[in-house]
C-alpha atoms as a PDB file:
ATOM      1  CA  MET A   1       7.638 -11.689 -11.877  1.00  0.00           C
ATOM      2  CA  GLY A   2       7.815  -9.385  -9.065  1.00  0.00           C
ATOM      3  CA  LYS A   3       6.678  -9.432  -5.340  1.00  0.00           C
ATOM      4  CA  SER A   4       3.142  -9.378  -3.854  1.00  0.00           C
ATOM      5  CA  GLY A   5       1.092  -9.265  -1.296  1.00  0.00           C
ATOM      6  CA  PHE A   6      -1.830  -7.850   1.019  1.00  0.00           C
ATOM      7  CA  VAL A   7      -0.834  -5.292   4.285  1.00  0.00           C
ATOM      8  CA  ALA A   8      -3.495  -4.797   6.940  1.00  0.00           C
ATOM      9  CA  ILE A   9      -3.677  -1.243   8.732  1.00  0.00           C
ATOM     10  CA  VAL A  10      -5.291  -1.846  11.700  1.00  0.00           C
ATOM     11  CA  GLY A  11      -5.326   0.181  15.108  1.00  0.00           C
ATOM     12  CA  ARG A  12      -7.262   2.139  17.357  1.00  0.00           C
ATOM     13  CA  PRO A  13      -9.714   4.452  16.291  1.00  0.00           C
ATOM     14  CA  ASN A  14      -8.115   8.061  15.190  1.00  0.00           C
ATOM     15  CA  SER A  15      -4.799   6.594  15.468  1.00  0.00           C
ATOM     16  CA  GLY A  16      -4.196   7.646  12.075  1.00  0.00           C
ATOM     17  CA  LYS A  17      -4.530   4.393   9.515  1.00  0.00           C
ATOM     18  CA  SER A  18      -6.092   6.354   6.301  1.00  0.00           C
ATOM     19  CA  THR A  19      -3.511   9.081   6.787  1.00  0.00           C
ATOM     20  CA  LEU A  20      -1.127   6.720   6.544  1.00  0.00           C
ATOM     21  CA  LEU A  21      -2.954   5.093   3.365  1.00  0.00           C
ATOM     22  CA  ASN A  22      -3.489   8.419   2.076  1.00  0.00           C
ATOM     23  CA  THR A  23       0.314   9.436   2.410  1.00  0.00           C
ATOM     24  CA  ILE A  24       1.556   6.074   0.886  1.00  0.00           C
ATOM     25  CA  LEU A  25      -0.510   6.330  -2.183  1.00  0.00           C
ATOM     26  CA  GLY A  26      -0.508  10.069  -2.874  1.00  0.00           C
ATOM     27  CA  SER A  27      -3.852  10.295  -3.081  1.00  0.00           C
ATOM     28  CA  ASN A  28      -6.598  10.675  -1.030  1.00  0.00           C
ATOM     29  CA  LEU A  29      -8.761   7.265  -0.986  1.00  0.00           C
ATOM     30  CA  SER A  30      -9.604   7.158   2.790  1.00  0.00           C
ATOM     31  CA  ILE A  31     -11.544   9.887   4.504  1.00  0.00           C
ATOM     32  CA  VAL A  32      -9.583  11.873   7.106  1.00  0.00           C
ATOM     33  CA  THR A  33     -10.945  14.006  10.120  1.00  0.00           C
ATOM     34  CA  TYR A  34     -10.339  14.636  13.493  1.00  0.00           C
ATOM     35  CA  LYS A  35     -12.870  12.571  14.251  1.00  0.00           C
ATOM     36  CA  ALA A  36     -12.830   8.712  15.675  1.00  0.00           C
ATOM     37  CA  GLN A  37     -14.386   5.992  13.954  1.00  0.00           C
ATOM     38  CA  THR A  38     -14.142   8.078  10.655  1.00  0.00           C
ATOM     39  CA  THR A  39     -13.604   4.677   8.568  1.00  0.00           C
ATOM     40  CA  ARG A  40     -16.259   2.305   8.600  1.00  0.00           C
ATOM     41  CA  GLU A  41     -15.366  -0.387   5.840  1.00  0.00           C
ATOM     42  CA  ARG A  42     -12.313  -2.010   4.736  1.00  0.00           C
ATOM     43  CA  VAL A  43     -10.973  -0.048   1.788  1.00  0.00           C
ATOM     44  CA  LEU A  44      -8.440  -1.690  -0.796  1.00  0.00           C
ATOM     45  CA  GLY A  45      -5.523   0.877  -1.473  1.00  0.00           C
ATOM     46  CA  ILE A  46      -3.107  -0.702  -4.617  1.00  0.00           C
ATOM     47  CA  LEU A  47       0.617   0.664  -4.807  1.00  0.00           C
ATOM     48  CA  THR A  48       2.202  -0.795  -7.969  1.00  0.00           C
ATOM     49  CA  GLU A  49       6.086  -0.453  -8.401  1.00  0.00           C
ATOM     50  CA  ARG A  50       8.935  -1.449 -10.414  1.00  0.00           C
ATOM     51  CA  GLN A  51       9.215  -4.188  -7.114  1.00  0.00           C
ATOM     52  CA  GLY A  52       5.958  -5.601  -7.704  1.00  0.00           C
ATOM     53  CA  GLN A  53       2.669  -4.396  -5.876  1.00  0.00           C
ATOM     54  CA  ILE A  54       1.568  -3.901  -2.486  1.00  0.00           C
ATOM     55  CA  VAL A  55      -2.707  -4.109  -1.710  1.00  0.00           C
ATOM     56  CA  PHE A  56      -3.081  -2.279   1.373  1.00  0.00           C
ATOM     57  CA  VAL A  57      -6.054  -2.713   3.543  1.00  0.00           C
ATOM     58  CA  ASP A  58      -7.475   0.276   5.454  1.00  0.00           C
ATOM     59  CA  THR A  59      -9.558  -0.714   8.174  1.00  0.00           C
ATOM     60  CA  PRO A  60     -12.386   0.693  10.660  1.00  0.00           C
ATOM     61  CA  GLY A  61     -10.944   1.560  14.219  1.00  0.00           C
ATOM     62  CA  ILE A  62     -10.463  -0.942  16.734  1.00  0.00           C
ATOM     63  CA  HIS A  63     -12.754  -0.662  20.161  1.00  0.00           C
ATOM     64  CA  ARG A  64     -14.975  -2.431  22.301  1.00  0.00           C
ATOM     65  CA  ALA A  65     -18.209  -2.532  20.692  1.00  0.00           C
ATOM     66  CA  ASP A  66     -21.771  -3.731  21.720  1.00  0.00           C
ATOM     67  CA  LYS A  67     -23.234  -6.573  20.111  1.00  0.00           C
ATOM     68  CA  GLY A  68     -25.153  -6.316  16.904  1.00  0.00           C
ATOM     69  CA  GLY A  69     -25.319  -3.166  14.722  1.00  0.00           C
ATOM     70  CA  LEU A  70     -23.395  -0.869  13.166  1.00  0.00           C
ATOM     71  CA  ASN A  71     -20.323  -0.730  15.679  1.00  0.00           C
ATOM     72  CA  GLU A  72     -20.180  -4.638  15.488  1.00  0.00           C
ATOM     73  CA  TYR A  73     -19.766  -4.631  11.935  1.00  0.00           C
ATOM     74  CA  MET A  74     -16.772  -1.837  11.788  1.00  0.00           C
ATOM     75  CA  VAL A  75     -14.784  -4.537  14.330  1.00  0.00           C
ATOM     76  CA  ARG A  76     -15.454  -7.493  12.189  1.00  0.00           C
ATOM     77  CA  GLU A  77     -14.360  -5.634   9.167  1.00  0.00           C
ATOM     78  CA  ALA A  78     -10.906  -5.059  10.758  1.00  0.00           C
ATOM     79  CA  GLN A  79     -10.774  -8.296  12.219  1.00  0.00           C
ATOM     80  CA  GLY A  80     -11.642  -9.796   8.612  1.00  0.00           C
ATOM     81  CA  ALA A  81      -8.594  -7.802   7.151  1.00  0.00           C
ATOM     82  CA  LEU A  82      -6.267  -9.524   8.727  1.00  0.00           C
ATOM     83  CA  GLU A  83      -6.995 -13.216   7.187  1.00  0.00           C
ATOM     84  CA  GLY A  84      -4.882 -13.757   4.347  1.00  0.00           C
ATOM     85  CA  THR A  85      -2.406 -11.045   5.037  1.00  0.00           C
ATOM     86  CA  SER A  86       1.182 -11.241   4.861  1.00  0.00           C
ATOM     87  CA  VAL A  87       2.151  -8.098   6.673  1.00  0.00           C
ATOM     88  CA  ILE A  88       0.156  -6.382   9.580  1.00  0.00           C
ATOM     89  CA  TRP A  89       0.758  -2.788  10.373  1.00  0.00           C
ATOM     90  CA  TYR A  90      -0.380  -2.299  13.703  1.00  0.00           C
ATOM     91  CA  ILE A  91      -0.602   2.132  14.742  1.00  0.00           C
ATOM     92  CA  VAL A  92      -0.335   3.033  17.793  1.00  0.00           C
ATOM     93  CA  ASP A  93      -0.930   7.073  18.821  1.00  0.00           C
ATOM     94  CA  PRO A  94       2.025   7.950  21.185  1.00  0.00           C
ATOM     95  CA  HIS A  95      -0.662   9.884  23.528  1.00  0.00           C
ATOM     96  CA  SER A  96      -2.665   6.189  23.700  1.00  0.00           C
ATOM     97  CA  GLU A  97      -2.573   3.656  27.196  1.00  0.00           C
ATOM     98  CA  LEU A  98      -1.677   0.299  27.010  1.00  0.00           C
ATOM     99  CA  ILE A  99      -5.517  -0.494  28.672  1.00  0.00           C
ATOM    100  CA  HIS A 100      -7.001   1.002  25.314  1.00  0.00           C
ATOM    101  CA  GLU A 101      -4.622  -1.001  22.760  1.00  0.00           C
ATOM    102  CA  ARG A 102      -6.068  -4.289  24.206  1.00  0.00           C
ATOM    103  CA  ALA A 103      -8.950  -4.356  22.504  1.00  0.00           C
ATOM    104  CA  VAL A 104      -6.586  -4.236  19.296  1.00  0.00           C
ATOM    105  CA  LEU A 105      -3.959  -6.879  20.894  1.00  0.00           C
ATOM    106  CA  GLU A 106      -7.095  -9.522  21.482  1.00  0.00           C
ATOM    107  CA  LEU A 107      -7.238  -9.593  17.597  1.00  0.00           C
ATOM    108  CA  LEU A 108      -3.829  -9.736  16.083  1.00  0.00           C
ATOM    109  CA  PRO A 109      -2.846 -13.551  15.614  1.00  0.00           C
ATOM    110  CA  ARG A 110      -0.850 -15.782  17.800  1.00  0.00           C
ATOM    111  CA  GLU A 111       2.212 -18.046  16.572  1.00  0.00           C
ATOM    112  CA  SER A 112       1.051 -16.981  13.299  1.00  0.00           C
ATOM    113  CA  SER A 113       3.760 -16.921  10.000  1.00  0.00           C
ATOM    114  CA  GLN A 114       2.670 -13.373   9.629  1.00  0.00           C
ATOM    115  CA  LYS A 115       4.701 -10.375  10.464  1.00  0.00           C
ATOM    116  CA  ILE A 116       3.268  -6.832  12.681  1.00  0.00           C
ATOM    117  CA  PHE A 117       5.023  -4.073  12.591  1.00  0.00           C
ATOM    118  CA  LEU A 118       4.530  -1.969  15.256  1.00  0.00           C
ATOM    119  CA  LEU A 119       4.164   1.572  14.360  1.00  0.00           C
ATOM    120  CA  MET A 120       4.494   4.763  16.672  1.00  0.00           C
ATOM    121  CA  ASN A 121       2.511   7.482  14.489  1.00  0.00           C
ATOM    122  CA  LYS A 122       2.293  11.156  15.200  1.00  0.00           C
ATOM    123  CA  LEU A 123       5.718  11.583  15.899  1.00  0.00           C
ATOM    124  CA  ASP A 124       5.195  15.646  15.094  1.00  0.00           C
ATOM    125  CA  THR A 125       3.038  15.427  18.204  1.00  0.00           C
ATOM    126  CA  ILE A 126       5.573  14.502  20.571  1.00  0.00           C
ATOM    127  CA  ARG A 127       7.118  17.607  22.297  1.00  0.00           C
ATOM    128  CA  GLY A 128       8.710  17.683  25.293  1.00  0.00           C
ATOM    129  CA  VAL A 129      10.339  14.762  27.768  1.00  0.00           C
ATOM    130  CA  GLU A 130       7.466  13.788  29.087  1.00  0.00           C
ATOM    131  CA  ALA A 131       6.208  13.219  25.937  1.00  0.00           C
ATOM    132  CA  ARG A 132       8.427  11.319  24.552  1.00  0.00           C
ATOM    133  CA  ASN A 133       8.809   9.228  27.787  1.00  0.00           C
ATOM    134  CA  HIS A 134       5.066   8.302  27.964  1.00  0.00           C
ATOM    135  CA  ALA A 135       5.434   7.211  24.255  1.00  0.00           C
ATOM    136  CA  LYS A 136       8.218   5.118  24.851  1.00  0.00           C
ATOM    137  CA  GLU A 137       6.714   3.524  27.916  1.00  0.00           C
ATOM    138  CA  VAL A 138       3.791   3.081  25.648  1.00  0.00           C
ATOM    139  CA  SER A 139       5.283   1.006  22.993  1.00  0.00           C
ATOM    140  CA  ASP A 140       7.187  -0.814  25.944  1.00  0.00           C
ATOM    141  CA  ALA A 141       4.415  -2.075  27.129  1.00  0.00           C
ATOM    142  CA  VAL A 142       2.790  -2.462  23.941  1.00  0.00           C
ATOM    143  CA  ILE A 143       5.477  -4.780  23.123  1.00  0.00           C
ATOM    144  CA  GLU A 144       5.536  -6.749  26.751  1.00  0.00           C
ATOM    145  CA  GLU A 145       1.714  -7.355  26.569  1.00  0.00           C
ATOM    146  CA  ALA A 146       1.748  -9.006  22.683  1.00  0.00           C
ATOM    147  CA  LYS A 147       4.625 -11.021  24.151  1.00  0.00           C
ATOM    148  CA  SER A 148       2.883 -12.558  26.784  1.00  0.00           C
ATOM    149  CA  LEU A 149      -0.141 -12.841  24.592  1.00  0.00           C
ATOM    150  CA  GLY A 150       2.417 -15.096  21.994  1.00  0.00           C
ATOM    151  CA  ILE A 151       2.003 -12.537  19.367  1.00  0.00           C
ATOM    152  CA  GLU A 152       5.113 -11.662  17.861  1.00  0.00           C
ATOM    153  CA  ILE A 153       6.053  -7.677  16.895  1.00  0.00           C
ATOM    154  CA  THR A 154       8.543  -8.228  14.321  1.00  0.00           C
ATOM    155  CA  ARG A 155      10.069  -4.838  14.437  1.00  0.00           C
ATOM    156  CA  LYS A 156       8.967  -1.163  15.844  1.00  0.00           C
ATOM    157  CA  PHE A 157       9.218   1.715  13.349  1.00  0.00           C
ATOM    158  CA  SER A 158       8.662   5.494  14.323  1.00  0.00           C
ATOM    159  CA  ILE A 159       6.878   7.623  11.901  1.00  0.00           C
ATOM    160  CA  SER A 160       4.487  10.367  11.190  1.00  0.00           C
ATOM    161  CA  ALA A 161       2.319   9.829   8.205  1.00  0.00           C
ATOM    162  CA  LEU A 162       0.991  13.224   8.216  1.00  0.00           C
ATOM    163  CA  GLU A 163       4.813  14.877   8.026  1.00  0.00           C
ATOM    164  CA  LYS A 164       6.198  11.754   5.849  1.00  0.00           C
ATOM    165  CA  LYS A 165       8.737  10.606   7.852  1.00  0.00           C
ATOM    166  CA  GLY A 166      10.121   7.748   8.596  1.00  0.00           C
ATOM    167  CA  LEU A 167       8.035   5.970   5.599  1.00  0.00           C
ATOM    168  CA  GLY A 168      10.432   4.714   3.725  1.00  0.00           C
ATOM    169  CA  ASP A 169      12.155   2.416   5.720  1.00  0.00           C
ATOM    170  CA  LEU A 170       9.215   1.376   6.602  1.00  0.00           C
ATOM    171  CA  VAL A 171       7.934   0.683   3.044  1.00  0.00           C
ATOM    172  CA  HIS A 172      11.464  -1.132   2.083  1.00  0.00           C
ATOM    173  CA  GLU A 173      11.359  -2.892   5.068  1.00  0.00           C
ATOM    174  CA  THR A 174       7.736  -4.614   4.288  1.00  0.00           C
ATOM    175  CA  TRP A 175       9.060  -5.029   0.461  1.00  0.00           C
ATOM    176  CA  GLN A 176      11.530  -7.139   1.712  1.00  0.00           C
ATOM    177  CA  LEU A 177       9.213  -9.345   3.079  1.00  0.00           C
ATOM    178  CA  LEU A 178       7.205 -10.072   0.789  1.00  0.00           C
ATOM    179  CA  GLU A 179       7.183 -13.403  -1.511  1.00  0.00           C
ATOM    180  CA  GLU A 180       7.552 -13.583  -5.354  1.00  0.00           C
ATOM    181  CA  GLY A 181       4.133 -13.350  -6.860  1.00  0.00           C
ATOM    182  CA  PRO A 182       1.632 -12.218  -9.900  1.00  0.00           C
ATOM    183  CA  LEU A 183       0.434  -9.247  -9.717  1.00  0.00           C
ATOM    184  CA  TYR A 184      -3.876  -8.905  -8.038  1.00  0.00           C
ATOM    185  CA  TYR A 185      -4.601  -5.671 -10.235  1.00  0.00           C
ATOM    186  CA  GLU A 186      -2.931  -5.905 -13.768  1.00  0.00           C
ATOM    187  CA  ASP A 187      -3.295  -1.941 -14.640  1.00  0.00           C
ATOM    188  CA  PRO A 188      -0.591  -0.181 -12.958  1.00  0.00           C
ATOM    189  CA  ASP A 189      -2.360   3.009 -12.387  1.00  0.00           C
ATOM    190  CA  GLN A 190      -5.333   1.599 -10.277  1.00  0.00           C
ATOM    191  CA  LEU A 191      -5.552   3.034  -6.648  1.00  0.00           C
ATOM    192  CA  SER A 192      -8.360   0.840  -5.057  1.00  0.00           C
ATOM    193  CA  ASP A 193     -10.842  -2.163  -5.928  1.00  0.00           C
ATOM    194  CA  ARG A 194     -13.814   0.023  -4.811  1.00  0.00           C
ATOM    195  CA  PRO A 195     -15.905   2.062  -7.767  1.00  0.00           C
ATOM    196  CA  THR A 196     -15.951   5.854  -8.103  1.00  0.00           C
ATOM    197  CA  ARG A 197     -20.128   6.176  -6.672  1.00  0.00           C
ATOM    198  CA  PHE A 198     -18.557   4.502  -3.284  1.00  0.00           C
ATOM    199  CA  PHE A 199     -15.457   7.462  -3.184  1.00  0.00           C
ATOM    200  CA  VAL A 200     -18.501  10.230  -3.873  1.00  0.00           C
ATOM    201  CA  SER A 201     -20.742   8.728  -0.628  1.00  0.00           C
ATOM    202  CA  GLU A 202     -17.503   9.018   1.250  1.00  0.00           C
ATOM    203  CA  MET A 203     -16.422  12.462   0.121  1.00  0.00           C
ATOM    204  CA  ILE A 204     -20.112  13.706   1.425  1.00  0.00           C
ATOM    205  CA  ARG A 205     -19.651  11.749   4.513  1.00  0.00           C
ATOM    206  CA  GLU A 206     -16.488  13.372   5.344  1.00  0.00           C
ATOM    207  CA  GLN A 207     -18.083  16.767   5.232  1.00  0.00           C
ATOM    208  CA  LEU A 208     -21.051  15.435   7.984  1.00  0.00           C
ATOM    209  CA  LEU A 209     -18.429  14.793  10.071  1.00  0.00           C
ATOM    210  CA  LEU A 210     -16.517  17.365   9.739  1.00  0.00           C
ATOM    211  CA  LYS A 211     -19.845  20.343   9.463  1.00  0.00           C
ATOM    212  CA  LEU A 212     -21.895  18.625  12.042  1.00  0.00           C
ATOM    213  CA  GLY A 213     -21.582  18.106  15.866  1.00  0.00           C
ATOM    214  CA  ASP A 214     -20.461  14.913  17.923  1.00  0.00           C
ATOM    215  CA  GLU A 215     -23.429  12.711  17.957  1.00  0.00           C
ATOM    216  CA  VAL A 216     -25.506  13.318  14.695  1.00  0.00           C
ATOM    217  CA  PRO A 217     -22.406  12.324  11.944  1.00  0.00           C
ATOM    218  CA  TYR A 218     -22.578   8.512  13.310  1.00  0.00           C
ATOM    219  CA  SER A 219     -26.076   8.459  12.602  1.00  0.00           C
ATOM    220  CA  CYS A 220     -25.833   9.339   8.895  1.00  0.00           C
ATOM    221  CA  ALA A 221     -25.517   7.266   6.240  1.00  0.00           C
ATOM    222  CA  VAL A 222     -25.044   8.392   2.081  1.00  0.00           C
ATOM    223  CA  GLU A 223     -26.591   7.018  -0.858  1.00  0.00           C
ATOM    224  CA  ILE A 224     -25.800   7.603  -4.563  1.00  0.00           C
ATOM    225  CA  GLN A 225     -29.104   7.422  -6.561  1.00  0.00           C
ATOM    226  CA  LYS A 226     -27.838   8.595  -9.419  1.00  0.00           C
ATOM    227  CA  TYR A 227     -24.675   9.308 -10.928  1.00  0.00           C
ATOM    228  CA  ASP A 228     -25.206  10.649 -14.915  1.00  0.00           C
ATOM    229  CA  GLU A 229     -21.902  10.158 -16.505  1.00  0.00           C
ATOM    230  CA  LYS A 230     -23.536  11.629 -19.750  1.00  0.00           C
ATOM    231  CA  ALA A 231     -25.350  14.586 -18.470  1.00  0.00           C
ATOM    232  CA  LYS A 232     -22.906  17.820 -19.059  1.00  0.00           C
ATOM    233  CA  PRO A 233     -21.743  18.542 -15.967  1.00  0.00           C
ATOM    234  CA  LEU A 234     -21.980  15.020 -14.715  1.00  0.00           C
ATOM    235  CA  ARG A 235     -25.135  14.903 -12.248  1.00  0.00           C
ATOM    236  CA  ILE A 236     -25.071  13.263  -8.689  1.00  0.00           C
ATOM    237  CA  GLU A 237     -27.930  12.689  -6.626  1.00  0.00           C
ATOM    238  CA  ALA A 238     -27.597  11.572  -3.177  1.00  0.00           C
ATOM    239  CA  VAL A 239     -29.607  11.263   0.059  1.00  0.00           C
ATOM    240  CA  ILE A 240     -28.640  11.571   3.274  1.00  0.00           C
ATOM    241  CA  TYR A 241     -30.278   9.286   5.709  1.00  0.00           C
ATOM    242  CA  VAL A 242     -30.425   9.856   9.351  1.00  0.00           C
ATOM    243  CA  GLU A 243     -31.757   7.869  12.153  1.00  0.00           C
ATOM    244  CA  ARG A 244     -34.712  10.643  13.827  1.00  0.00           C
ATOM    245  CA  GLU A 245     -36.766  12.879  12.347  1.00  0.00           C
ATOM    246  CA  SER A 246     -34.908  15.705  15.048  1.00  0.00           C
ATOM    247  CA  GLN A 247     -32.018  15.158  13.236  1.00  0.00           C
ATOM    248  CA  LYS A 248     -33.187  15.647   9.493  1.00  0.00           C
ATOM    249  CA  GLY A 249     -33.440  19.524  11.177  1.00  0.00           C
ATOM    250  CA  ILE A 250     -29.851  19.881  12.011  1.00  0.00           C
ATOM    251  CA  VAL A 251     -28.371  18.287   8.849  1.00  0.00           C
ATOM    252  CA  ILE A 252     -30.308  20.801   6.956  1.00  0.00           C
ATOM    253  CA  GLY A 253     -29.877  24.061   9.128  1.00  0.00           C
ATOM    254  CA  LYS A 254     -31.605  27.301   9.625  1.00  0.00           C
ATOM    255  CA  GLY A 255     -32.244  27.960   5.796  1.00  0.00           C
ATOM    256  CA  ALA A 256     -30.987  25.022   4.716  1.00  0.00           C
ATOM    257  CA  GLN A 257     -27.369  26.986   5.650  1.00  0.00           C
ATOM    258  CA  LYS A 258     -25.958  23.859   6.641  1.00  0.00           C
ATOM    259  CA  ILE A 259     -27.187  21.692   4.256  1.00  0.00           C
ATOM    260  CA  LYS A 260     -25.603  23.949   1.720  1.00  0.00           C
ATOM    261  CA  GLU A 261     -22.343  24.366   3.240  1.00  0.00           C
ATOM    262  CA  ILE A 262     -21.954  20.389   2.842  1.00  0.00           C
ATOM    263  CA  GLY A 263     -22.897  20.445  -0.601  1.00  0.00           C
ATOM    264  CA  GLN A 264     -20.264  22.839  -1.489  1.00  0.00           C
ATOM    265  CA  GLU A 265     -17.487  21.198   0.678  1.00  0.00           C
ATOM    266  CA  ALA A 266     -18.444  17.963  -0.852  1.00  0.00           C
ATOM    267  CA  ARG A 267     -18.820  18.690  -4.546  1.00  0.00           C
ATOM    268  CA  ALA A 268     -15.062  21.416  -3.924  1.00  0.00           C
ATOM    269  CA  LYS A 269     -13.614  17.544  -3.128  1.00  0.00           C
ATOM    270  CA  ILE A 270     -15.207  15.565  -5.564  1.00  0.00           C
ATOM    271  CA  GLU A 271     -14.478  17.776  -8.357  1.00  0.00           C
ATOM    272  CA  ASP A 272     -10.749  17.867  -7.362  1.00  0.00           C
ATOM    273  CA  PHE A 273     -11.108  13.985  -7.076  1.00  0.00           C
ATOM    274  CA  LEU A 274     -12.588  13.440 -10.632  1.00  0.00           C
ATOM    275  CA  GLY A 275     -10.686  16.247 -12.644  1.00  0.00           C
ATOM    276  CA  HIS A 276     -14.171  18.016 -13.908  1.00  0.00           C
ATOM    277  CA  LYS A 277     -16.899  20.157 -12.879  1.00  0.00           C
ATOM    278  CA  ILE A 278     -20.510  18.615 -11.375  1.00  0.00           C
ATOM    279  CA  PHE A 279     -23.918  18.777  -9.731  1.00  0.00           C
ATOM    280  CA  LEU A 280     -24.173  17.588  -6.793  1.00  0.00           C
ATOM    281  CA  GLY A 281     -27.825  17.109  -5.270  1.00  0.00           C
ATOM    282  CA  LEU A 282     -28.552  16.424  -1.596  1.00  0.00           C
ATOM    283  CA  GLN A 283     -31.872  15.120  -0.052  1.00  0.00           C
ATOM    284  CA  VAL A 284     -32.129  14.556   3.695  1.00  0.00           C
ATOM    285  CA  LYS A 285     -34.490  11.499   4.756  1.00  0.00           C
ATOM    286  CA  MET A 286     -35.483   9.472   8.039  1.00  0.00           C
ATOM    287  CA  LEU A 287     -34.492   5.998   8.018  1.00  0.00           C
ATOM    288  CA  LYS A 288     -35.166   4.911  11.579  1.00  0.00           C
ATOM    289  CA  ASP A 289     -32.446   3.214  13.778  1.00  0.00           C
ATOM    290  CA  TRP A 290     -30.703   2.035  10.854  1.00  0.00           C
ATOM    291  CA  THR A 291     -27.624   1.483  12.505  1.00  0.00           C
ATOM    292  CA  LYS A 292     -29.432  -1.423  14.660  1.00  0.00           C
ATOM    293  CA  ASP A 293     -31.630  -2.796  11.664  1.00  0.00           C
ATOM    294  CA  GLU A 294     -29.377  -5.646   9.763  1.00  0.00           C
ATOM    295  CA  GLU A 295     -31.417  -5.363   6.760  1.00  0.00           C
ATOM    296  CA  ALA A 296     -31.153  -1.107   6.658  1.00  0.00           C
ATOM    297  CA  MET A 297     -27.524  -1.881   7.025  1.00  0.00           C
ATOM    298  CA  LYS A 298     -27.474  -3.661   4.149  1.00  0.00           C
ATOM    299  CA  ARG A 299     -29.455  -1.345   2.240  1.00  0.00           C
ATOM    300  CA  MET A 300     -26.404   1.534   3.450  1.00  0.00           C
ATOM    301  CA  GLY A 301     -23.635  -1.329   1.646  1.00  0.00           C
ATOM    302  CA  TYR A 302     -22.774  -2.508   5.529  1.00  0.00           C
ATOM    303  CA  ASP A 303     -23.787  -5.848   5.034  1.00  0.00           C
ATOM    304  CA  PRO A 304     -23.567  -7.712   8.340  1.00  0.00           C
ATOM    305  CA  LYS A 305     -23.598 -10.829   7.055  1.00  0.00           C
ATOM    306  CA  ARG A 306     -20.636 -10.055   4.450  1.00  0.00           C
ATOM    307  CA  LYS A 307     -17.959 -12.514   4.235  1.00  0.00           C
ATOM    308  CA  SER A 308     -14.007 -11.513   4.200  1.00  0.00           C
ATOM    309  CA  ARG A 309     -12.177 -10.763   1.342  1.00  0.00           C
END
């Protein structure tokens, strides 16, 4: 029997959580864009090695959310991910400020047996004395604030998830803290607990974030309505839901050019992920104010009453 345990990856929006998980696993499980709040749900990533198995929990970015709706759901997803974990990787952007990090610190466990690693990410973006001094000030302030709240930071790491720097030591130290236990997932090649359809819908949503402006993508949800593996090539039909009628035109674009671009890029990513050709059909429909409606959120896969893992 080897070691096993759960590791939660938490932090503010756009701190690099999904990039870190993808780099550790060597697979693009979680979508990554330059926009904040890209991740909406907890995603499990499974690392099975000779020593045993680590189940990583990638989470939505922690921020101060208005009560109700999709934003509160995302924060609750992140909070629920902390339950039952052996180690917490708390990622901080070196350009952040303590005032912004307090939203994360408020959710971290106090006087707990869980070990917390503070990861100063994005080393590749720290250039010059001023930037280095600011990064040190942020990490020192976060550690001091945590201490005042009864939160013990076990160790600090400086890493670059994008350039794969400092990750060997981080993973090694994590293995050291895990206890003997069984594999949670028997197949050593399994990388996640999510079905393929989930990743397909996320790859479509990724293109919405990349191809559209700042507001519209956050009002979009993707529903896979058909996934026909018997068809040659595999046939996938999806609906992109928006909240307002005016947003449909933005997603479709003049002469349907925007939806065509989204479909082409998404299809390429999905084909690379699946390893074979597919047919991808996209439609755009309105589901009025779905991000504020519990039943509509549930239909889109974001169940506000879903219990934690």
